[in-house]
N, C-alpha and C. Protein backbone atom coordinates (compact mmCIF):
# COMPACT_ATOMS: atom_id res chain seq x y z
N MET A 1 0.87 -1.54 -0.30
CA MET A 1 -0.25 -0.10 0.03
C MET A 1 0.71 1.07 -0.25
N ALA A 2 0.17 2.29 -1.15
CA ALA A 2 1.00 3.34 -1.22
C ALA A 2 1.18 4.28 -0.09
N LYS A 3 2.51 5.32 0.39
CA LYS A 3 1.78 5.98 1.85
C LYS A 3 2.61 7.20 1.23
N LEU A 4 2.38 8.51 2.00
CA LEU A 4 2.82 9.64 2.04
C LEU A 4 3.60 9.38 2.79
N PHE A 5 4.74 9.51 3.35
CA PHE A 5 5.59 9.76 3.92
C PHE A 5 6.09 11.37 4.02
N TYR A 6 6.50 11.63 5.45
CA TYR A 6 7.50 13.08 6.09
C TYR A 6 8.29 12.81 6.60
N ARG A 7 9.77 12.72 6.00
CA ARG A 7 10.99 12.48 7.62
C ARG A 7 11.23 14.36 7.33
N TYR A 8 10.81 14.52 9.01
CA TYR A 8 11.49 15.87 9.30
C TYR A 8 13.23 16.14 9.90
N ALA A 9 13.61 16.86 9.95
CA ALA A 9 14.43 17.40 11.08
C ALA A 9 15.12 18.66 10.91
N ALA A 10 16.36 18.73 11.95
CA ALA A 10 16.58 19.97 11.68
C ALA A 10 18.10 19.73 10.82
N MET A 11 18.47 21.36 10.65
CA MET A 11 19.56 21.42 9.64
C MET A 11 20.69 20.60 10.40
N ASN A 12 21.50 19.98 8.82
CA ASN A 12 22.88 19.06 9.35
C ASN A 12 22.14 17.84 10.02
N SER A 13 21.01 17.51 9.98
CA SER A 13 21.09 15.75 10.29
C SER A 13 20.57 14.93 9.21
N GLY A 14 21.64 14.84 8.42
CA GLY A 14 21.18 13.44 7.43
C GLY A 14 20.51 13.29 6.40
N LYS A 15 19.39 14.71 6.11
CA LYS A 15 17.71 13.60 5.55
C LYS A 15 18.69 13.82 4.17
N SER A 16 19.47 15.23 3.40
CA SER A 16 19.59 14.29 2.13
C SER A 16 20.53 12.79 1.79
N THR A 17 21.11 12.49 2.81
CA THR A 17 22.26 11.21 2.36
C THR A 17 21.18 10.60 3.06
N GLN A 18 19.64 10.27 3.59
CA GLN A 18 18.97 9.29 3.79
C GLN A 18 18.36 9.04 2.25
N LEU A 19 17.63 10.42 1.97
CA LEU A 19 16.83 9.97 0.68
C LEU A 19 17.46 9.65 -0.92
N LEU A 20 19.14 9.87 -0.35
CA LEU A 20 19.70 9.11 -1.62
C LEU A 20 20.17 7.58 -1.55
N GLN A 21 20.40 7.28 -0.25
CA GLN A 21 20.34 5.70 0.18
C GLN A 21 19.21 5.49 -0.14
N ILE A 22 18.24 5.91 0.12
CA ILE A 22 16.78 5.28 -0.47
C ILE A 22 16.62 5.00 -1.87
N ALA A 23 16.95 5.99 -2.37
CA ALA A 23 16.92 5.54 -3.33
C ALA A 23 17.96 4.67 -4.20
N ASN A 24 19.15 5.24 -3.81
CA ASN A 24 19.89 3.17 -4.07
C ASN A 24 19.39 2.04 -3.57
N ASN A 25 18.45 2.00 -2.74
CA ASN A 25 18.15 0.97 -2.26
C ASN A 25 16.84 0.73 -3.08
N TYR A 26 16.30 1.39 -3.77
CA TYR A 26 15.89 0.46 -4.90
C TYR A 26 15.62 0.88 -6.04
N GLU A 27 16.95 1.38 -6.38
CA GLU A 27 17.33 1.19 -8.29
C GLU A 27 18.25 0.06 -8.33
N THR A 28 18.30 -0.86 -6.70
CA THR A 28 19.61 -1.78 -6.93
C THR A 28 18.57 -3.16 -6.57
N LEU A 29 17.13 -3.05 -6.50
CA LEU A 29 16.17 -3.95 -6.66
C LEU A 29 15.35 -3.87 -7.93
N ASN A 30 16.37 -3.19 -8.93
CA ASN A 30 15.89 -2.75 -10.32
C ASN A 30 14.17 -2.13 -10.18
N LYS A 31 14.02 -1.18 -8.97
CA LYS A 31 13.14 -0.13 -9.32
C LYS A 31 13.20 1.15 -9.80
N ARG A 32 12.00 1.08 -10.58
CA ARG A 32 12.67 3.12 -10.86
C ARG A 32 12.15 4.35 -9.54
N VAL A 33 13.24 5.09 -9.61
CA VAL A 33 12.61 6.40 -8.71
C VAL A 33 12.96 7.43 -9.10
N LEU A 34 12.21 8.78 -8.51
CA LEU A 34 12.00 9.56 -9.24
C LEU A 34 12.23 10.76 -8.47
N LEU A 35 13.69 11.89 -8.64
CA LEU A 35 14.39 12.29 -7.50
C LEU A 35 13.97 13.70 -7.82
N TYR A 36 12.84 14.57 -6.74
CA TYR A 36 13.10 16.21 -6.89
C TYR A 36 14.07 16.76 -5.77
N THR A 37 14.31 18.08 -6.52
CA THR A 37 14.54 19.42 -5.43
C THR A 37 13.78 20.33 -5.78
N ALA A 38 13.85 21.32 -4.52
CA ALA A 38 13.03 22.73 -5.39
C ALA A 38 14.36 23.47 -5.77
N ARG A 39 13.83 23.91 -7.00
CA ARG A 39 14.49 25.03 -7.88
C ARG A 39 15.47 26.21 -6.87
N ILE A 40 14.41 26.86 -5.98
CA ILE A 40 15.10 28.09 -5.30
C ILE A 40 16.53 27.35 -4.64
N ASP A 41 16.30 25.96 -4.31
CA ASP A 41 17.69 25.44 -3.01
C ASP A 41 19.11 25.61 -4.70
N ASP A 42 19.79 26.16 -4.68
CA ASP A 42 20.31 26.55 -5.79
C ASP A 42 22.30 25.79 -5.15
N ARG A 43 22.22 26.44 -3.78
CA ARG A 43 23.69 26.25 -2.94
C ARG A 43 24.64 25.33 -3.96
N TYR A 44 23.92 24.03 -4.85
CA TYR A 44 25.01 22.76 -5.49
C TYR A 44 25.22 23.20 -7.10
N GLY A 45 23.94 23.61 -6.79
CA GLY A 45 23.41 24.00 -8.64
C GLY A 45 22.77 23.61 -8.85
N VAL A 46 21.73 23.95 -9.77
CA VAL A 46 20.34 23.84 -9.45
C VAL A 46 19.91 21.99 -9.80
N GLY A 47 19.02 22.06 -9.39
CA GLY A 47 18.93 20.38 -8.89
C GLY A 47 19.28 19.11 -9.20
N MET A 48 20.05 20.06 -8.02
CA MET A 48 20.99 18.09 -7.80
C MET A 48 20.97 18.21 -5.79
N ILE A 49 20.43 17.31 -5.59
CA ILE A 49 20.54 16.98 -4.48
C ILE A 49 22.41 16.34 -3.89
N THR A 50 22.84 17.27 -3.00
CA THR A 50 23.87 17.38 -2.42
C THR A 50 23.67 16.68 -0.46
N SER A 51 24.75 15.67 0.00
CA SER A 51 24.39 15.43 1.15
C SER A 51 26.13 16.01 1.17
N ARG A 52 25.66 16.21 2.73
CA ARG A 52 27.22 17.00 3.20
C ARG A 52 28.36 15.87 3.84
N LEU A 53 28.14 14.52 3.14
CA LEU A 53 29.35 13.44 3.10
C LEU A 53 29.31 13.61 1.74
N ASN A 54 29.47 14.59 0.84
CA ASN A 54 29.99 14.72 -1.17
C ASN A 54 29.47 13.95 -1.65
N ILE A 55 28.06 13.10 -1.40
CA ILE A 55 27.26 12.51 -2.29
C ILE A 55 26.86 13.04 -2.80
N ARG A 56 26.57 13.22 -4.52
CA ARG A 56 25.52 14.31 -5.19
C ARG A 56 24.47 13.60 -6.36
N ARG A 57 23.89 13.90 -6.72
CA ARG A 57 22.72 13.41 -7.45
C ARG A 57 21.92 14.42 -8.60
N GLU A 58 21.67 14.03 -9.70
CA GLU A 58 20.97 15.19 -10.33
C GLU A 58 19.39 14.94 -9.76
N ALA A 59 18.37 15.91 -10.14
CA ALA A 59 17.38 15.65 -9.50
C ALA A 59 16.22 16.43 -10.80
N GLN A 60 15.04 16.17 -10.62
CA GLN A 60 14.25 16.81 -11.06
C GLN A 60 14.21 17.80 -10.17
N THR A 61 12.98 19.28 -10.55
CA THR A 61 13.01 20.66 -10.13
C THR A 61 11.91 20.99 -9.87
N PHE A 62 11.70 21.19 -8.92
CA PHE A 62 9.89 22.27 -8.25
C PHE A 62 10.17 23.42 -7.65
N ASP A 63 8.88 24.26 -8.27
CA ASP A 63 8.75 25.69 -7.96
C ASP A 63 7.29 25.09 -7.65
N ASP A 64 6.68 27.03 -7.58
CA ASP A 64 5.78 26.83 -6.76
C ASP A 64 4.49 26.43 -8.30
N THR A 65 4.84 26.73 -9.31
CA THR A 65 3.75 26.14 -10.40
C THR A 65 3.81 24.74 -10.94
N LEU A 66 3.98 23.54 -10.29
CA LEU A 66 4.29 22.32 -10.69
C LEU A 66 3.15 21.22 -10.46
N ASP A 67 2.63 21.27 -11.25
CA ASP A 67 1.64 20.38 -10.40
C ASP A 67 1.16 18.83 -10.82
N PHE A 68 2.37 17.74 -9.53
CA PHE A 68 2.60 16.83 -9.73
C PHE A 68 1.77 16.13 -10.17
N TYR A 69 0.33 16.39 -9.49
CA TYR A 69 -0.96 15.58 -9.90
C TYR A 69 -1.10 15.29 -11.59
N ALA A 70 -0.50 15.97 -12.32
CA ALA A 70 -0.42 16.58 -13.63
C ALA A 70 0.26 15.59 -14.51
N GLN A 71 1.44 15.70 -14.10
CA GLN A 71 2.92 14.63 -14.41
C GLN A 71 2.31 13.38 -14.30
N GLN A 72 2.98 12.91 -15.69
CA GLN A 72 2.63 11.47 -15.94
C GLN A 72 3.75 10.43 -15.33
N PHE A 73 3.84 9.55 -14.23
CA PHE A 73 4.52 9.06 -13.68
C PHE A 73 4.70 7.28 -13.60
N GLU A 74 4.79 6.87 -15.14
CA GLU A 74 4.80 5.59 -15.80
C GLU A 74 6.51 4.85 -15.29
N ASN A 75 5.77 3.79 -15.02
CA ASN A 75 6.97 3.52 -14.63
C ASN A 75 7.29 3.32 -13.55
N ILE A 76 7.33 4.40 -12.31
CA ILE A 76 7.78 4.52 -10.90
C ILE A 76 7.59 4.49 -10.25
N ASP A 77 8.03 3.60 -9.53
CA ASP A 77 8.34 3.21 -8.13
C ASP A 77 7.96 3.90 -6.81
N CYS A 78 9.14 4.73 -6.98
CA CYS A 78 8.69 5.83 -5.96
C CYS A 78 9.17 7.35 -6.08
N ILE A 79 8.33 7.96 -5.75
CA ILE A 79 9.09 9.46 -6.09
C ILE A 79 10.18 10.11 -4.73
N LEU A 80 11.17 10.34 -4.57
CA LEU A 80 11.72 10.88 -3.75
C LEU A 80 11.76 12.66 -3.61
N ILE A 81 11.52 13.28 -2.72
CA ILE A 81 11.68 15.03 -2.60
C ILE A 81 12.18 15.43 -2.22
N ASP A 82 13.24 16.16 -1.73
CA ASP A 82 14.68 16.84 -1.04
C ASP A 82 13.61 18.10 -1.02
N GLU A 83 13.86 18.93 0.75
CA GLU A 83 13.63 19.72 0.76
C GLU A 83 12.20 20.83 0.67
N ALA A 84 11.10 19.32 0.93
CA ALA A 84 9.95 19.28 0.84
C ALA A 84 8.88 20.76 1.57
N GLN A 85 9.94 21.41 1.89
CA GLN A 85 9.52 22.54 2.92
C GLN A 85 8.68 23.89 1.87
N PHE A 86 9.39 23.53 0.74
CA PHE A 86 9.36 24.45 -0.16
C PHE A 86 8.52 23.98 -0.86
N LEU A 87 7.17 22.89 -0.41
CA LEU A 87 6.06 22.44 -1.59
C LEU A 87 5.10 23.39 -0.95
N THR A 88 4.24 23.74 -2.06
CA THR A 88 3.06 24.48 -1.38
C THR A 88 2.20 23.61 -0.91
N PRO A 89 1.15 23.84 -0.02
CA PRO A 89 0.00 23.40 0.03
C PRO A 89 -0.79 22.55 -0.89
N ALA A 90 -0.67 23.09 -1.97
CA ALA A 90 -1.31 22.21 -3.02
C ALA A 90 -1.36 21.53 -3.76
N GLN A 91 0.98 21.75 -3.22
CA GLN A 91 1.54 20.99 -4.15
C GLN A 91 1.10 19.07 -3.22
N VAL A 92 1.27 19.48 -1.89
CA VAL A 92 1.13 18.89 -0.49
C VAL A 92 0.18 17.85 -1.10
N ARG A 93 -0.88 18.74 -1.51
CA ARG A 93 -2.54 17.98 -1.50
C ARG A 93 -2.53 16.81 -2.80
N GLN A 94 -1.50 17.19 -4.49
CA GLN A 94 -1.61 17.11 -5.14
C GLN A 94 -0.60 15.38 -4.79
N LEU A 95 -0.07 15.46 -3.70
CA LEU A 95 1.22 14.29 -4.06
C LEU A 95 0.37 13.46 -2.91
N HIS A 96 -0.61 13.81 -1.95
CA HIS A 96 -1.26 12.99 -1.20
C HIS A 96 -2.48 12.21 -2.43
N ARG A 97 -2.86 12.98 -3.04
CA ARG A 97 -3.98 12.63 -4.12
C ARG A 97 -3.42 11.15 -4.78
N LEU A 98 -1.72 11.65 -5.50
CA LEU A 98 -0.83 10.87 -6.26
C LEU A 98 -0.70 9.45 -5.57
N VAL A 99 -0.49 9.88 -3.95
CA VAL A 99 -0.37 8.51 -3.59
C VAL A 99 -1.63 7.49 -3.50
N HIS A 100 -2.81 8.09 -3.21
CA HIS A 100 -4.25 7.28 -2.81
C HIS A 100 -4.80 7.05 -4.26
N LEU A 101 -4.37 7.43 -5.77
CA LEU A 101 -5.39 7.13 -7.05
C LEU A 101 -4.08 6.62 -7.46
N ARG A 102 -3.03 6.62 -7.79
CA ARG A 102 -2.16 6.40 -8.87
C ARG A 102 -1.12 4.82 -8.01
N HIS A 103 -0.96 5.11 -6.45
CA HIS A 103 -0.49 4.22 -6.04
C HIS A 103 1.01 3.90 -6.04
N ILE A 104 1.87 5.68 -5.81
CA ILE A 104 3.13 5.55 -5.75
C ILE A 104 3.35 5.85 -4.54
N PRO A 105 4.42 5.45 -3.75
CA PRO A 105 4.99 6.19 -2.25
C PRO A 105 5.53 7.12 -2.92
N VAL A 106 5.27 8.12 -2.12
CA VAL A 106 6.29 9.56 -2.00
C VAL A 106 6.80 9.75 -0.53
N ILE A 107 8.25 10.10 -0.81
CA ILE A 107 8.56 10.62 0.54
C ILE A 107 9.39 11.02 0.51
N CYS A 108 8.75 12.41 1.09
CA CYS A 108 9.34 13.67 1.70
C CYS A 108 10.61 13.71 2.54
N PHE A 109 11.68 14.72 2.38
CA PHE A 109 12.54 14.89 3.60
C PHE A 109 12.65 16.48 3.03
N GLY A 110 12.25 17.13 4.76
CA GLY A 110 12.68 18.70 5.06
C GLY A 110 12.89 19.11 6.24
N LEU A 111 12.84 20.40 6.29
CA LEU A 111 12.62 21.03 7.51
C LEU A 111 11.27 20.97 8.26
N ARG A 112 10.68 21.58 9.31
CA ARG A 112 9.48 21.61 9.95
C ARG A 112 9.56 22.98 9.90
N SER A 113 10.48 23.96 10.73
CA SER A 113 10.41 25.89 10.65
C SER A 113 11.28 26.36 10.31
N ASP A 114 11.27 27.57 10.49
CA ASP A 114 12.38 28.73 10.10
C ASP A 114 12.86 29.14 10.99
N PHE A 115 13.87 30.04 10.77
CA PHE A 115 14.68 30.42 11.66
C PHE A 115 14.17 31.56 12.37
N LEU A 116 12.59 31.69 12.40
CA LEU A 116 11.87 32.55 13.42
C LEU A 116 11.09 31.37 13.92
N GLY A 117 11.02 30.23 13.78
CA GLY A 117 10.48 28.76 14.32
C GLY A 117 9.02 28.59 14.16
N GLU A 118 8.42 29.74 13.00
CA GLU A 118 7.66 28.87 12.21
C GLU A 118 7.43 28.74 11.50
N PRO A 119 6.28 27.43 11.20
CA PRO A 119 6.36 26.35 10.51
C PRO A 119 6.22 27.37 8.61
N PHE A 120 6.96 25.77 7.80
CA PHE A 120 6.89 26.29 6.62
C PHE A 120 5.65 25.95 6.06
N PRO A 121 4.92 26.38 5.44
CA PRO A 121 3.73 25.86 4.91
C PRO A 121 3.59 24.44 4.02
N GLY A 122 4.49 24.29 3.14
CA GLY A 122 4.57 23.05 2.87
C GLY A 122 4.85 21.84 3.85
N ALA A 123 5.54 22.21 4.86
CA ALA A 123 5.62 20.93 5.68
C ALA A 123 4.53 21.59 6.93
N ALA A 124 3.76 22.50 7.09
CA ALA A 124 2.94 22.35 7.46
C ALA A 124 1.34 21.56 7.60
N TRP A 125 1.75 21.37 5.79
CA TRP A 125 0.93 20.56 5.03
C TRP A 125 1.03 19.11 5.43
N LEU A 126 2.44 19.37 5.23
CA LEU A 126 2.93 17.34 5.26
C LEU A 126 2.17 16.46 6.41
N LEU A 127 2.84 17.63 7.51
CA LEU A 127 2.81 17.37 8.66
C LEU A 127 1.24 16.90 8.79
N SER A 128 -0.02 17.50 8.28
CA SER A 128 -1.28 16.97 8.52
C SER A 128 -1.49 16.08 7.22
N LEU A 129 -1.18 15.67 6.35
CA LEU A 129 -1.60 14.73 5.84
C LEU A 129 -0.83 13.28 5.77
N ALA A 130 0.47 13.49 5.40
CA ALA A 130 0.93 12.17 5.77
C ALA A 130 1.25 11.40 6.35
N GLU A 131 0.94 10.00 6.02
CA GLU A 131 0.37 8.44 7.29
C GLU A 131 1.71 8.11 7.79
N ASP A 132 3.05 8.19 7.28
CA ASP A 132 4.06 8.00 8.23
C ASP A 132 5.17 9.20 8.30
N ILE A 133 4.68 9.83 9.35
CA ILE A 133 6.26 10.89 9.54
C ILE A 133 6.52 10.55 10.75
N GLU A 134 8.07 10.70 10.29
CA GLU A 134 9.56 11.04 11.25
C GLU A 134 10.79 11.78 11.76
N GLU A 135 10.95 11.75 12.58
CA GLU A 135 11.98 12.90 13.11
C GLU A 135 12.93 12.01 12.61
N ILE A 136 13.86 12.73 12.11
CA ILE A 136 15.35 12.62 12.15
C ILE A 136 16.15 13.13 12.96
N LYS A 137 17.09 13.14 13.76
CA LYS A 137 17.77 13.53 15.18
C LYS A 137 19.00 14.14 14.61
N THR A 138 18.98 14.89 15.50
CA THR A 138 20.69 15.73 15.28
C THR A 138 20.38 16.50 16.69
N ILE A 139 22.16 16.79 16.99
CA ILE A 139 22.18 17.47 18.31
C ILE A 139 22.45 19.18 17.98
N CYS A 140 22.23 19.92 18.62
CA CYS A 140 22.92 21.30 19.14
C CYS A 140 23.70 21.09 19.67
N VAL A 141 24.76 22.53 19.80
CA VAL A 141 26.24 22.46 20.09
C VAL A 141 26.21 22.41 22.08
N CYS A 142 24.82 22.15 22.85
CA CYS A 142 24.71 22.09 23.83
C CYS A 142 24.71 21.13 24.01
N GLY A 143 24.55 19.77 22.80
CA GLY A 143 24.10 18.21 23.64
C GLY A 143 22.82 18.16 23.38
N ARG A 144 22.07 18.74 23.22
CA ARG A 144 20.19 18.80 23.56
C ARG A 144 19.73 18.61 22.52
N LYS A 145 18.77 17.57 21.34
CA LYS A 145 18.23 17.51 20.35
C LYS A 145 17.74 18.97 19.92
N ALA A 146 18.40 19.01 18.61
CA ALA A 146 17.86 20.01 18.03
C ALA A 146 16.84 20.08 16.96
N THR A 147 15.88 21.01 17.26
CA THR A 147 14.71 21.30 16.56
C THR A 147 14.72 22.69 15.87
N MET A 148 15.77 23.82 16.15
CA MET A 148 14.85 24.36 15.64
C MET A 148 15.92 25.31 14.88
N HIS A 149 16.57 26.46 13.99
CA HIS A 149 17.11 27.20 13.86
C HIS A 149 16.91 28.78 13.64
N LEU A 150 18.95 28.83 13.61
CA LEU A 150 19.14 30.19 14.38
C LEU A 150 19.70 30.99 12.55
N ARG A 151 18.83 31.71 12.02
CA ARG A 151 19.95 32.56 11.20
C ARG A 151 20.93 33.47 11.50
N VAL A 152 22.30 33.46 11.27
CA VAL A 152 23.39 34.61 11.69
C VAL A 152 23.71 35.34 10.68
N ASP A 153 24.42 36.38 10.77
CA ASP A 153 25.11 37.77 9.94
C ASP A 153 26.36 36.95 10.21
N GLY A 154 27.13 37.21 9.22
CA GLY A 154 28.66 37.23 8.82
C GLY A 154 29.73 36.84 10.14
N ARG A 155 29.65 37.69 11.24
CA ARG A 155 29.67 37.91 12.22
C ARG A 155 29.52 36.99 13.84
N GLY A 156 28.73 35.78 12.87
CA GLY A 156 28.30 35.21 13.66
C GLY A 156 26.95 35.94 14.39
N GLU A 157 26.51 36.65 14.61
CA GLU A 157 25.07 37.21 15.52
C GLU A 157 23.83 36.75 14.98
N ARG A 158 23.09 36.57 15.71
CA ARG A 158 21.77 35.99 15.58
C ARG A 158 20.67 37.11 14.63
N LEU A 159 20.33 36.52 13.75
CA LEU A 159 19.64 37.24 13.22
C LEU A 159 17.88 37.21 13.55
N LYS A 160 17.05 38.30 13.64
CA LYS A 160 15.58 38.20 14.77
C LYS A 160 14.67 38.35 13.64
N ASP A 161 15.27 38.98 11.76
CA ASP A 161 13.79 39.63 10.82
C ASP A 161 14.78 39.25 9.74
N GLY A 162 13.99 39.32 8.09
CA GLY A 162 13.97 39.07 7.05
C GLY A 162 13.50 37.83 6.69
N PRO A 163 13.57 37.57 4.97
CA PRO A 163 12.64 36.79 4.49
C PRO A 163 12.66 35.11 5.42
N GLN A 164 11.43 34.67 5.14
CA GLN A 164 11.59 33.34 5.29
C GLN A 164 12.66 32.43 5.38
N VAL A 165 12.52 32.97 3.22
CA VAL A 165 13.53 32.00 2.25
C VAL A 165 14.78 32.71 2.20
N GLU A 166 15.75 32.18 2.55
CA GLU A 166 17.65 33.30 2.11
C GLU A 166 18.43 31.77 1.95
N ILE A 167 18.60 31.69 0.72
CA ILE A 167 19.11 30.17 0.24
C ILE A 167 21.09 30.61 0.32
N GLY A 168 21.59 30.42 1.26
CA GLY A 168 22.41 30.83 1.73
C GLY A 168 23.79 29.58 1.77
N ASP A 169 25.16 29.69 2.10
CA ASP A 169 25.73 28.66 2.76
C ASP A 169 25.56 28.30 4.25
N ASP A 170 25.87 27.63 4.54
CA ASP A 170 25.44 26.54 5.65
C ASP A 170 25.93 27.20 7.01
N ALA A 171 27.10 28.23 6.83
CA ALA A 171 27.22 28.81 8.26
C ALA A 171 26.72 29.41 8.31
N ARG A 172 26.03 30.29 8.02
CA ARG A 172 24.49 31.20 7.72
C ARG A 172 23.45 30.31 8.94
N TYR A 173 23.31 29.44 8.84
CA TYR A 173 22.52 28.43 9.51
C TYR A 173 22.76 27.77 11.23
N ARG A 174 22.36 27.82 11.98
CA ARG A 174 22.70 26.80 13.16
C ARG A 174 21.38 26.14 13.53
N ALA A 175 21.45 24.81 13.65
CA ALA A 175 20.41 23.67 13.97
C ALA A 175 21.00 23.85 15.62
N VAL A 176 19.51 24.30 16.16
CA VAL A 176 19.87 24.31 17.95
C VAL A 176 18.30 23.85 19.09
N CYS A 177 18.81 23.69 19.73
CA CYS A 177 17.18 23.71 21.03
C CYS A 177 16.48 24.36 20.90
N ALA A 178 15.39 23.71 21.69
CA ALA A 178 14.43 25.12 21.77
C ALA A 178 14.82 25.97 22.98
N LYS A 179 15.99 25.72 23.87
CA LYS A 179 16.53 26.45 25.04
C LYS A 179 17.37 27.45 24.27
N CYS A 180 18.00 26.52 23.51
CA CYS A 180 19.19 27.77 22.98
C CYS A 180 18.45 28.46 21.35
N PHE A 181 17.02 28.43 21.90
CA PHE A 181 16.75 28.89 20.71
C PHE A 181 16.51 30.70 20.99
N TYR A 182 15.92 29.46 22.04
CA TYR A 182 15.19 31.23 23.46
C TYR A 182 16.21 31.74 24.36
N ALA A 183 17.45 31.57 24.42
CA ALA A 183 18.11 32.05 25.39
C ALA A 183 18.73 33.59 24.67
N GLY A 184 18.87 34.53 26.23
CA GLY A 184 19.14 35.47 25.57
C GLY A 184 17.87 36.62 25.40
N GLU A 185 16.50 35.77 25.70
CA GLU A 185 15.37 36.68 25.34
C GLU A 185 14.80 36.86 26.80
N ASP A 186 14.59 38.12 27.52
CA ASP A 186 13.91 38.72 28.61
C ASP A 186 12.53 38.59 28.96
N LYS A 187 11.82 38.07 27.83
CA LYS A 187 10.48 38.23 27.88
C LYS A 187 9.82 37.29 26.82
N PRO A 188 8.80 36.37 27.32
CA PRO A 188 8.21 35.71 25.95
C PRO A 188 6.96 36.90 25.45
N GLU A 189 7.46 36.17 24.21
CA GLU A 189 6.30 37.45 22.92
C GLU A 189 4.51 36.81 22.95
């Protein structure tokens, strides 16, 4: 039975590595997989899924105009999506429909929230519709489980405003636990 899966985590947790391993596992069994990544993520080149272990692979790209349900997925055994937080709510619904009407499993990997602690719309919808949800764990510099992100400037100072999406090098973001995320705040908002 096909399902919509969502594997979420903070940055630097191995999401892309796991996605690439799953693709390899399917292909070892002579199964056909289709990989997607967000067109906006051009850190390693447009249409490249790259893990921090330096494993990389070309993928199809999506932006907010792609209608997944309108695509012809003939002889595809699984669809794997990296950077799934950038999916639109409509695209998550399209993928959910694709799973249940065309019986193709879809496994999405992405973040849950942004540097302000606010959910990405795609992640919120995946958490709502996915039949199988799993947190991939990583740790904060303090040793606790990292569940949030900070964006920092060139001096390492925390930024508390700006656009929700800003693609840049990994040094601009830090995966942190909730305690470190709120550290230094005098009063709750």
